[in-house]
Amino acid sequence: MKDLVDLLKTNLWQALTAIFFFAFVMKGCTNNKLTQIDKKYSENTIRLESKLDSLQMQLAKYATAKEVRDEMEVVMFNYLIYEDDLDKGKSSLSDIKNKIEAND
């Protein structure tokens, strides 16, 4: 133990130089790794944002629940009108078919 203390006293500046050198090298390696990881995640983020934007654009093309409900109400209302006309004898089935084909 005493030999180790004496060795450190005589070679203190060399030991500290070695410790600081290793600390400097390790810090540099860590910063390089962090920079590489940050660059990789930035590229992935850009790719994911572009995919998300394209998905949002495709989603905007579909009808909303309110639009579907409104269209369904119009169709059902027309069906009730045609059914009422057919029951009362105001129109025949072929007349209703012709009206529907004319609207398409």
Protein backbone atom coordinates (compact mmCIF):
# COMPACT_ATOMS: atom_id res chain seq x y z
CA MET A 1 0.00 0.00 0.00
CA LYS A 2 2.84 2.33 0.90
CA ASP A 3 4.51 1.51 -2.41
CA LEU A 4 1.36 2.51 -4.28
CA VAL A 5 1.18 5.86 -2.46
CA ASP A 6 4.84 6.56 -3.18
CA LEU A 7 4.36 5.60 -6.82
CA LEU A 8 1.40 7.97 -7.14
CA LYS A 9 3.33 10.82 -5.47
CA THR A 10 6.23 10.50 -7.88
CA ASN A 11 4.06 9.99 -10.96
CA LEU A 12 1.04 12.13 -10.03
CA TRP A 13 1.17 14.35 -13.08
CA GLN A 14 1.35 11.29 -15.39
CA ALA A 15 -1.58 9.58 -13.68
CA LEU A 16 -3.70 12.73 -13.82
CA THR A 17 -2.77 13.25 -17.46
CA ALA A 18 -3.84 9.70 -18.30
CA ILE A 19 -7.13 10.11 -16.39
CA PHE A 20 -7.94 13.41 -18.09
CA PHE A 21 -6.98 12.00 -21.49
CA PHE A 22 -9.32 9.03 -21.07
CA ALA A 23 -12.10 11.32 -19.83
CA PHE A 24 -11.63 13.59 -22.86
CA VAL A 25 -11.68 10.66 -25.29
CA MET A 26 -14.74 9.12 -23.66
CA LYS A 27 -16.59 12.43 -23.75
CA GLY A 28 -15.82 12.81 -27.44
CA CYS A 29 -17.00 9.30 -28.24
CA THR A 30 -20.22 9.87 -26.33
CA ASN A 31 -20.91 13.14 -28.15
CA ASN A 32 -20.32 11.48 -31.52
CA LYS A 33 -22.69 8.65 -30.65
CA LEU A 34 -25.34 11.09 -29.48
CA THR A 35 -24.96 13.13 -32.67
CA GLN A 36 -25.39 10.02 -34.81
CA ILE A 37 -28.43 8.88 -32.85
CA ASP A 38 -29.97 12.36 -33.04
CA LYS A 39 -29.44 12.46 -36.81
CA LYS A 40 -31.03 9.02 -37.20
CA TYR A 41 -34.07 9.99 -35.14
CA SER A 42 -34.43 13.26 -37.05
CA GLU A 43 -34.53 11.37 -40.34
CA ASN A 44 -37.10 8.94 -38.94
CA THR A 45 -39.19 11.81 -37.64
CA ILE A 46 -39.23 13.50 -41.04
CA ARG A 47 -40.26 10.24 -42.73
CA LEU A 48 -43.02 9.61 -40.18
CA GLU A 49 -44.34 13.16 -40.51
CA SER A 50 -44.59 12.81 -44.29
CA LYS A 51 -46.42 9.49 -43.91
CA LEU A 52 -48.76 11.05 -41.37
CA ASP A 53 -49.49 13.96 -43.70
CA SER A 54 -50.30 11.60 -46.57
CA LEU A 55 -52.60 9.57 -44.30
CA GLN A 56 -54.39 12.71 -43.18
CA MET A 57 -54.89 13.73 -46.81
CA GLN A 58 -56.36 10.31 -47.62
CA LEU A 59 -58.58 10.44 -44.56
CA ALA A 60 -59.93 13.84 -45.61
CA LYS A 61 -61.26 12.24 -48.82
CA TYR A 62 -63.67 9.99 -46.90
CA ALA A 63 -67.12 11.08 -45.80
CA THR A 64 -67.67 12.08 -42.21
CA ALA A 65 -70.33 10.47 -40.02
CA LYS A 66 -72.55 13.55 -40.39
CA GLU A 67 -72.32 13.45 -44.19
CA VAL A 68 -73.23 9.76 -44.22
CA ARG A 69 -76.13 10.35 -41.85
CA ASP A 70 -77.44 13.26 -43.95
CA GLU A 71 -77.27 11.22 -47.16
CA MET A 72 -79.01 8.29 -45.44
CA GLU A 73 -81.82 10.59 -44.28
CA VAL A 74 -82.33 11.90 -47.82
CA VAL A 75 -82.47 8.36 -49.21
CA MET A 76 -84.90 7.20 -46.53
CA PHE A 77 -87.08 10.26 -47.05
CA ASN A 78 -87.23 9.57 -50.79
CA TYR A 79 -88.02 5.92 -50.08
CA LEU A 80 -90.96 6.96 -47.85
CA ILE A 81 -92.27 9.29 -50.56
CA TYR A 82 -92.04 6.55 -53.20
CA GLU A 83 -93.66 4.03 -50.87
CA ASP A 84 -96.51 6.41 -50.05
CA ASP A 85 -97.09 7.15 -53.75
CA LEU A 86 -97.06 3.44 -54.54
CA ASP A 87 -99.50 2.61 -51.70
CA LYS A 88 -101.93 5.35 -52.71
CA GLY A 89 -101.78 4.32 -56.35
CA LYS A 90 -100.40 7.67 -57.52
CA SER A 91 -97.54 6.01 -59.37
CA SER A 92 -96.48 2.58 -60.51
CA LEU A 93 -93.34 0.69 -59.69
CA SER A 94 -91.93 1.38 -63.16
CA ASP A 95 -92.51 5.14 -62.68
CA ILE A 96 -90.58 5.04 -59.40
CA LYS A 97 -87.80 3.07 -61.09
CA ASN A 98 -87.62 5.67 -63.87
CA LYS A 99 -87.45 8.51 -61.30
CA ILE A 100 -84.62 6.80 -59.41
CA GLU A 101 -82.66 6.15 -62.63
CA ALA A 102 -83.18 9.77 -63.69
CA ASN A 103 -81.68 10.98 -60.39
CA ASP A 104 -78.58 8.79 -60.81
